C-alpha atoms as a PDB file:
ATOM      1  CA  MET A   1      92.793  82.160 152.443  1.00  0.00           C
ATOM      2  CA  GLN A   2      89.654  83.488 150.848  1.00  0.00           C
ATOM      3  CA  HIS A   3      86.681  81.229 150.157  1.00  0.00           C
ATOM      4  CA  GLU A   4      84.409  81.852 147.227  1.00  0.00           C
ATOM      5  CA  ALA A   5      80.683  81.801 147.844  1.00  0.00           C
ATOM      6  CA  PRO A   6      79.021  78.791 146.289  1.00  0.00           C
ATOM      7  CA  GLN A   7      77.365  79.616 143.013  1.00  0.00           C
ATOM      8  CA  ASN A   8      73.719  78.875 142.441  1.00  0.00           C
ATOM      9  CA  THR A   9      73.742  76.200 139.763  1.00  0.00           C
ATOM     10  CA  ASP A  10      69.965  75.874 139.676  1.00  0.00           C
ATOM     11  CA  THR A  11      68.709  76.468 136.169  1.00  0.00           C
ATOM     12  CA  VAL A  12      65.372  77.567 134.812  1.00  0.00           C
ATOM     13  CA  LEU A  13      63.548  74.477 133.615  1.00  0.00           C
ATOM     14  CA  ALA A  14      60.675  76.368 131.992  1.00  0.00           C
ATOM     15  CA  ALA A  15      58.989  79.732 131.805  1.00  0.00           C
ATOM     16  CA  ILE A  16      55.243  79.271 131.777  1.00  0.00           C
ATOM     17  CA  ASP A  17      52.784  81.989 130.812  1.00  0.00           C
ATOM     18  CA  THR A  18      49.834  82.214 133.195  1.00  0.00           C
ATOM     19  CA  PRO A  19      46.771  84.476 133.183  1.00  0.00           C
ATOM     20  CA  VAL A  20      48.560  86.738 135.711  1.00  0.00           C
ATOM     21  CA  GLY A  21      52.095  86.735 134.260  1.00  0.00           C
ATOM     22  CA  SER A  22      55.012  84.443 133.592  1.00  0.00           C
ATOM     23  CA  VAL A  23      56.269  81.913 136.154  1.00  0.00           C
ATOM     24  CA  GLN A  24      59.803  80.564 135.942  1.00  0.00           C
ATOM     25  CA  ILE A  25      60.171  77.004 137.183  1.00  0.00           C
ATOM     26  CA  LEU A  26      63.559  76.058 138.570  1.00  0.00           C
ATOM     27  CA  ASN A  27      65.034  72.638 137.937  1.00  0.00           C
ATOM     28  CA  SER A  28      65.221  72.059 141.709  1.00  0.00           C
ATOM     29  CA  SER A  29      61.432  72.341 141.902  1.00  0.00           C
ATOM     30  CA  LEU A  30      61.136  68.878 140.371  1.00  0.00           C
ATOM     31  CA  ALA A  31      62.407  67.483 143.670  1.00  0.00           C
ATOM     32  CA  ASN A  32      59.412  69.096 145.380  1.00  0.00           C
ATOM     33  CA  ILE A  33      57.064  67.433 142.911  1.00  0.00           C
ATOM     34  CA  ALA A  34      58.356  63.862 143.319  1.00  0.00           C
ATOM     35  CA  GLN A  35      61.490  62.111 144.487  1.00  0.00           C
ATOM     36  CA  ASP A  36      61.712  60.029 141.291  1.00  0.00           C
ATOM     37  CA  ARG A  37      62.768  62.368 138.467  1.00  0.00           C
ATOM     38  CA  SER A  38      60.785  60.475 135.788  1.00  0.00           C
ATOM     39  CA  VAL A  39      57.633  60.716 137.930  1.00  0.00           C
ATOM     40  CA  ALA A  40      58.355  64.401 138.520  1.00  0.00           C
ATOM     41  CA  LYS A  41      58.626  65.044 134.776  1.00  0.00           C
ATOM     42  CA  GLU A  42      55.332  63.223 134.156  1.00  0.00           C
ATOM     43  CA  ARG A  43      53.545  65.241 136.840  1.00  0.00           C
ATOM     44  CA  PHE A  44      55.139  68.416 135.513  1.00  0.00           C
ATOM     45  CA  ALA A  45      53.820  67.749 132.009  1.00  0.00           C
ATOM     46  CA  ASN A  46      50.427  66.348 132.968  1.00  0.00           C
ATOM     47  CA  PHE A  47      49.440  68.527 135.917  1.00  0.00           C
ATOM     48  CA  LEU A  48      51.803  71.393 136.749  1.00  0.00           C
ATOM     49  CA  THR A  49      51.910  72.975 133.304  1.00  0.00           C
ATOM     50  CA  PRO A  50      48.128  72.846 132.644  1.00  0.00           C
ATOM     51  CA  THR A  51      47.438  74.147 136.162  1.00  0.00           C
ATOM     52  CA  LEU A  52      49.643  77.185 135.562  1.00  0.00           C
ATOM     53  CA  GLU A  53      48.616  77.809 131.942  1.00  0.00           C
ATOM     54  CA  GLN A  54      44.862  77.245 132.319  1.00  0.00           C
ATOM     55  CA  PRO A  55      43.952  77.386 135.998  1.00  0.00           C
ATOM     56  CA  THR A  56      40.421  77.218 137.300  1.00  0.00           C
ATOM     57  CA  GLU A  57      41.329  79.916 139.836  1.00  0.00           C
ATOM     58  CA  ILE A  58      44.328  81.870 141.105  1.00  0.00           C
ATOM     59  CA  TRP A  59      44.469  83.194 144.650  1.00  0.00           C
ATOM     60  CA  GLU A  60      47.041  85.400 146.355  1.00  0.00           C
ATOM     61  CA  ALA A  61      47.539  84.355 149.971  1.00  0.00           C
ATOM     62  CA  GLU A  62      49.415  86.156 152.713  1.00  0.00           C
ATOM     63  CA  TYR A  63      51.653  84.044 154.935  1.00  0.00           C
ATOM     64  CA  ASP A  64      52.567  84.523 158.590  1.00  0.00           C
ATOM     65  CA  ASP A  65      55.952  86.004 157.633  1.00  0.00           C
ATOM     66  CA  GLY A  66      54.209  88.780 155.662  1.00  0.00           C
ATOM     67  CA  SER A  67      55.080  87.308 152.250  1.00  0.00           C
ATOM     68  CA  TYR A  68      52.536  86.621 149.523  1.00  0.00           C
ATOM     69  CA  ARG A  69      52.303  83.539 147.330  1.00  0.00           C
ATOM     70  CA  GLN A  70      50.104  82.705 144.419  1.00  0.00           C
ATOM     71  CA  HIS A  71      47.943  79.591 144.652  1.00  0.00           C
ATOM     72  CA  PHE A  72      46.876  78.090 141.327  1.00  0.00           C
ATOM     73  CA  ILE A  73      43.929  75.679 141.433  1.00  0.00           C
ATOM     74  CA  LYS A  74      42.965  73.399 138.536  1.00  0.00           C
ATOM     75  CA  VAL A  75      39.961  71.096 138.730  1.00  0.00           C
ATOM     76  CA  PHE A  76      40.092  68.015 136.510  1.00  0.00           C
ATOM     77  CA  GLY A  77      36.482  66.803 136.282  1.00  0.00           C
ATOM     78  CA  MET A  78      33.977  67.573 139.019  1.00  0.00           C
ATOM     79  CA  ASP A  79      30.595  66.177 139.808  1.00  0.00           C
ATOM     80  CA  ASP A  80      30.628  65.067 143.403  1.00  0.00           C
ATOM     81  CA  LEU A  81      34.358  64.414 143.368  1.00  0.00           C
ATOM     82  CA  GLY A  82      37.211  65.688 141.201  1.00  0.00           C
ATOM     83  CA  ILE A  83      40.973  65.633 140.967  1.00  0.00           C
ATOM     84  CA  VAL A  84      42.348  68.974 142.085  1.00  0.00           C
ATOM     85  CA  ALA A  85      45.868  70.167 141.338  1.00  0.00           C
ATOM     86  CA  PHE A  86      47.086  72.855 143.715  1.00  0.00           C
ATOM     87  CA  VAL A  87      50.280  74.744 142.850  1.00  0.00           C
ATOM     88  CA  VAL A  88      51.944  77.214 145.203  1.00  0.00           C
ATOM     89  CA  VAL A  89      54.320  79.609 143.472  1.00  0.00           C
ATOM     90  CA  GLN A  90      56.966  80.858 145.860  1.00  0.00           C
ATOM     91  CA  ALA A  91      59.618  83.484 145.296  1.00  0.00           C
ATOM     92  CA  ALA A  92      62.522  82.788 142.962  1.00  0.00           C
ATOM     93  CA  GLY A  93      60.894  80.090 140.839  1.00  0.00           C
ATOM     94  CA  HIS A  94      60.152  77.515 143.506  1.00  0.00           C
ATOM     95  CA  VAL A  95      56.861  75.698 143.133  1.00  0.00           C
ATOM     96  CA  LEU A  96      55.040  73.060 145.127  1.00  0.00           C
ATOM     97  CA  LEU A  97      52.462  70.741 143.554  1.00  0.00           C
ATOM     98  CA  ASP A  98      49.797  68.841 145.439  1.00  0.00           C
ATOM     99  CA  MET A  99      47.108  66.694 143.864  1.00  0.00           C
ATOM    100  CA  ASP A 100      44.178  65.023 145.539  1.00  0.00           C
ATOM    101  CA  ALA A 101      40.594  63.933 145.020  1.00  0.00           C
ATOM    102  CA  LYS A 102      38.344  66.571 146.560  1.00  0.00           C
ATOM    103  CA  THR A 103      34.651  67.311 146.925  1.00  0.00           C
ATOM    104  CA  ARG A 104      33.241  70.777 146.210  1.00  0.00           C
ATOM    105  CA  ALA A 105      33.251  71.550 149.940  1.00  0.00           C
ATOM    106  CA  GLU A 106      36.905  70.510 150.263  1.00  0.00           C
ATOM    107  CA  LEU A 107      37.759  72.652 147.231  1.00  0.00           C
ATOM    108  CA  ASN A 108      36.431  75.677 149.123  1.00  0.00           C
ATOM    109  CA  ASP A 109      39.104  75.111 151.790  1.00  0.00           C
ATOM    110  CA  LEU A 110      41.784  75.945 149.183  1.00  0.00           C
ATOM    111  CA  ARG A 111      40.235  79.330 148.421  1.00  0.00           C
ATOM    112  CA  VAL A 112      42.259  81.593 150.689  1.00  0.00           C
ATOM    113  CA  GLY A 113      43.227  85.229 150.201  1.00  0.00           C
ATOM    114  CA  LYS A 114      42.447  87.495 147.284  1.00  0.00           C
ATOM    115  CA  LEU A 115      40.980  86.070 144.090  1.00  0.00           C
ATOM    116  CA  LEU A 116      43.204  87.136 141.168  1.00  0.00           C
ATOM    117  CA  TYR A 117      41.671  85.071 138.363  1.00  0.00           C
ATOM    118  CA  GLN A 118      38.681  82.836 137.754  1.00  0.00           C
ATOM    119  CA  GLU A 119      38.050  80.737 134.666  1.00  0.00           C
ATOM    120  CA  ALA A 120      35.110  82.043 132.646  1.00  0.00           C
END
């Protein structure tokens, strides 16, 4: 008896144009953004999309396994403290979103690798 390989049913949720090319977001990435799907959609619309479309900076970082990933940073307001959205774009449309209040010094900790883009 021959078993068929499971088919990948993950669909492309969106294709977002960035300053360094298009990023396809898979539907399964919403689970990485938040467990609650309605919260995930809100974060997608309010933070993920603007971070990819109009980032403050984009960095390309090398990982221990030799792979490279793009890190998109978006600063929402910044005097002494600002909200920073940090998106890691992995291979095959997988993205991770992290958001936190950060100082300028803490923002520097996110700047790793090669700078690909900086907002004018």
